[in-house]
Protein backbone atom coordinates (compact mmCIF):
# COMPACT_ATOMS: atom_id res chain seq x y z
CA GLY A 1 4.47 10.69 -19.51
CA ASP A 2 1.73 11.49 -17.05
CA PRO A 3 2.51 14.77 -15.18
CA SER A 4 0.92 13.35 -12.02
CA SER A 5 3.68 10.72 -11.86
CA LEU A 6 6.52 13.27 -11.65
CA SER A 7 8.41 12.60 -8.45
CA THR A 8 11.26 15.09 -8.29
CA ARG A 9 11.77 16.88 -4.95
CA GLU A 10 11.68 20.36 -6.48
CA ILE A 11 7.93 20.19 -7.20
CA LYS A 12 6.94 18.97 -3.74
CA ASP A 13 6.13 21.07 -0.68
CA ASN A 14 5.67 20.07 2.96
CA VAL A 15 7.32 16.64 2.55
CA GLN A 16 6.77 14.52 5.66
CA THR A 17 8.17 11.06 6.27
CA VAL A 18 5.64 8.40 7.22
CA PRO A 19 7.27 6.42 10.05
CA ASN A 20 8.09 2.83 9.09
CA ALA A 21 6.10 1.51 12.04
CA GLN A 22 3.03 3.43 10.83
CA CYS A 23 3.49 1.99 7.32
CA LEU A 24 3.60 -1.51 8.79
CA ASP A 25 0.50 -0.84 10.88
CA MET A 26 -1.43 0.42 7.85
CA ILE A 27 -0.39 -2.49 5.65
CA GLY A 28 -1.37 -4.81 8.51
CA GLN A 29 -4.93 -3.47 8.32
CA LEU A 30 -5.32 -4.49 4.68
CA ARG A 31 -6.62 -7.86 3.61
CA ALA A 32 -6.13 -9.60 0.35
CA SER A 33 -9.46 -10.68 -1.13
CA VAL A 34 -10.59 -13.07 -3.81
CA TYR A 35 -13.82 -11.92 -5.36
CA GLU A 36 -16.13 -12.44 -8.31
CA ARG A 37 -16.63 -9.76 -10.96
CA PRO A 38 -19.82 -10.98 -12.66
CA ASP A 39 -19.68 -8.12 -15.17
CA LEU A 40 -16.30 -9.44 -16.39
CA ASN A 41 -17.03 -13.11 -15.73
CA GLU A 42 -13.79 -13.30 -13.72
CA THR A 43 -12.53 -14.32 -10.31
CA ARG A 44 -9.94 -11.81 -9.17
CA LEU A 45 -7.42 -11.20 -6.42
CA GLY A 46 -7.26 -7.68 -5.04
CA LEU A 47 -8.12 -5.17 -2.36
CA ILE A 48 -11.28 -3.26 -1.49
CA SER A 49 -11.07 0.52 -1.98
CA GLU A 50 -13.21 1.39 1.04
CA GLU A 51 -10.93 -0.69 3.30
CA ILE A 52 -7.88 1.09 1.89
CA GLN A 53 -9.47 4.49 2.51
CA LEU A 54 -10.17 3.56 6.12
CA ALA A 55 -6.62 2.27 6.74
CA LEU A 56 -5.03 5.35 5.13
CA GLU A 57 -7.33 7.87 6.79
CA PRO A 58 -4.59 9.16 9.16
CA LEU A 59 -2.47 10.20 6.16
CA ASN A 60 -5.22 12.33 4.61
CA VAL A 61 -4.15 11.43 1.06
CA ASP A 62 -6.40 11.70 -1.94
CA ASN A 63 -4.51 9.89 -4.68
CA VAL A 64 -4.86 6.23 -3.69
CA CYS A 65 -8.60 5.65 -4.04
CA VAL A 66 -10.02 7.91 -6.73
CA PRO A 67 -13.55 8.29 -8.07
CA LYS A 68 -14.12 7.01 -11.61
CA MET A 69 -17.25 6.97 -13.71
CA ALA A 70 -18.01 3.56 -15.18
CA THR A 71 -20.84 1.60 -16.69
CA ILE A 72 -21.09 -1.90 -15.26
CA GLY A 73 -23.13 -4.36 -17.27
CA GLU A 74 -26.34 -2.86 -18.63
CA GLY A 75 -26.56 -0.20 -15.92
CA GLU A 76 -26.25 3.53 -16.11
CA PRO A 77 -22.88 5.25 -15.65
CA LYS A 78 -22.11 5.55 -11.96
CA GLU A 79 -19.21 6.77 -9.85
CA TYR A 80 -17.10 3.99 -8.31
CA LEU A 81 -13.84 4.00 -6.38
CA ALA A 82 -10.77 2.93 -8.33
CA LEU A 83 -7.65 1.83 -6.48
CA GLN A 84 -4.27 3.10 -7.65
CA TYR A 85 -2.30 0.04 -6.55
CA GLU A 86 1.07 1.60 -7.38
CA ARG A 87 0.39 4.30 -4.76
CA LEU A 88 0.67 1.61 -2.05
CA VAL A 89 4.35 0.97 -2.87
CA PRO A 90 5.66 3.62 -0.42
CA LEU A 91 3.80 1.88 2.41
CA LEU A 92 5.27 -1.45 1.34
CA ILE A 93 8.78 0.04 1.37
CA GLY A 94 8.22 1.49 4.84
CA SER A 95 6.88 -1.87 6.02
CA VAL A 96 9.90 -3.75 4.66
CA ASN A 97 12.18 -1.23 6.40
CA ALA A 98 10.30 -1.73 9.70
CA LEU A 99 10.54 -5.51 9.44
CA SER A 100 14.20 -5.34 8.41
CA ALA A 101 14.97 -3.24 11.49
CA ARG A 102 13.16 -5.79 13.67
CA VAL A 103 15.14 -8.65 12.14
CA SER A 104 18.42 -6.79 12.70
CA GLU A 105 17.45 -6.10 16.31
CA LEU A 106 16.60 -9.76 16.92
CA GLU A 107 19.76 -10.96 15.19
CA ALA A 108 21.83 -8.68 17.44
CA LYS A 109 20.34 -10.48 20.47
CA LEU A 110 21.37 -13.93 19.22
CA PRO A 111 24.44 -15.47 20.79
CA LYS A 112 27.54 -15.01 18.70
CA PRO A 113 28.73 -18.27 17.11
CA LYS A 114 31.87 -19.65 18.69
CA LYS A 115 34.89 -19.80 16.45
CA SER A 116 36.11 -23.30 15.97
CA ALA A 117 39.79 -24.04 16.60
CA LYS A 118 41.62 -25.53 13.65
């Protein structure tokens, strides 16, 4: 497979956990978009790379939005930003964990159901 997708701990240095609340905040800054791609004659659902870069700026990561050379339509090759959607999964996991903790906290505040006598 692709060596850049290796994920074992032994090849990673300076591992830092992104707090779940920060993951949720970053995901909250993103917006799903529907847009036209005239060069493909398609309407698509997706995200905008520049918006992702802005939201992820505090993490200082360089593997989510990556430059790619492409020729669009009849134009000359040009550098565009490509979004590695799979690289957003860790933020989604952190967000789910944050929301799950909130649900557990709220559930703990609910009155306990009374046991019915039989």
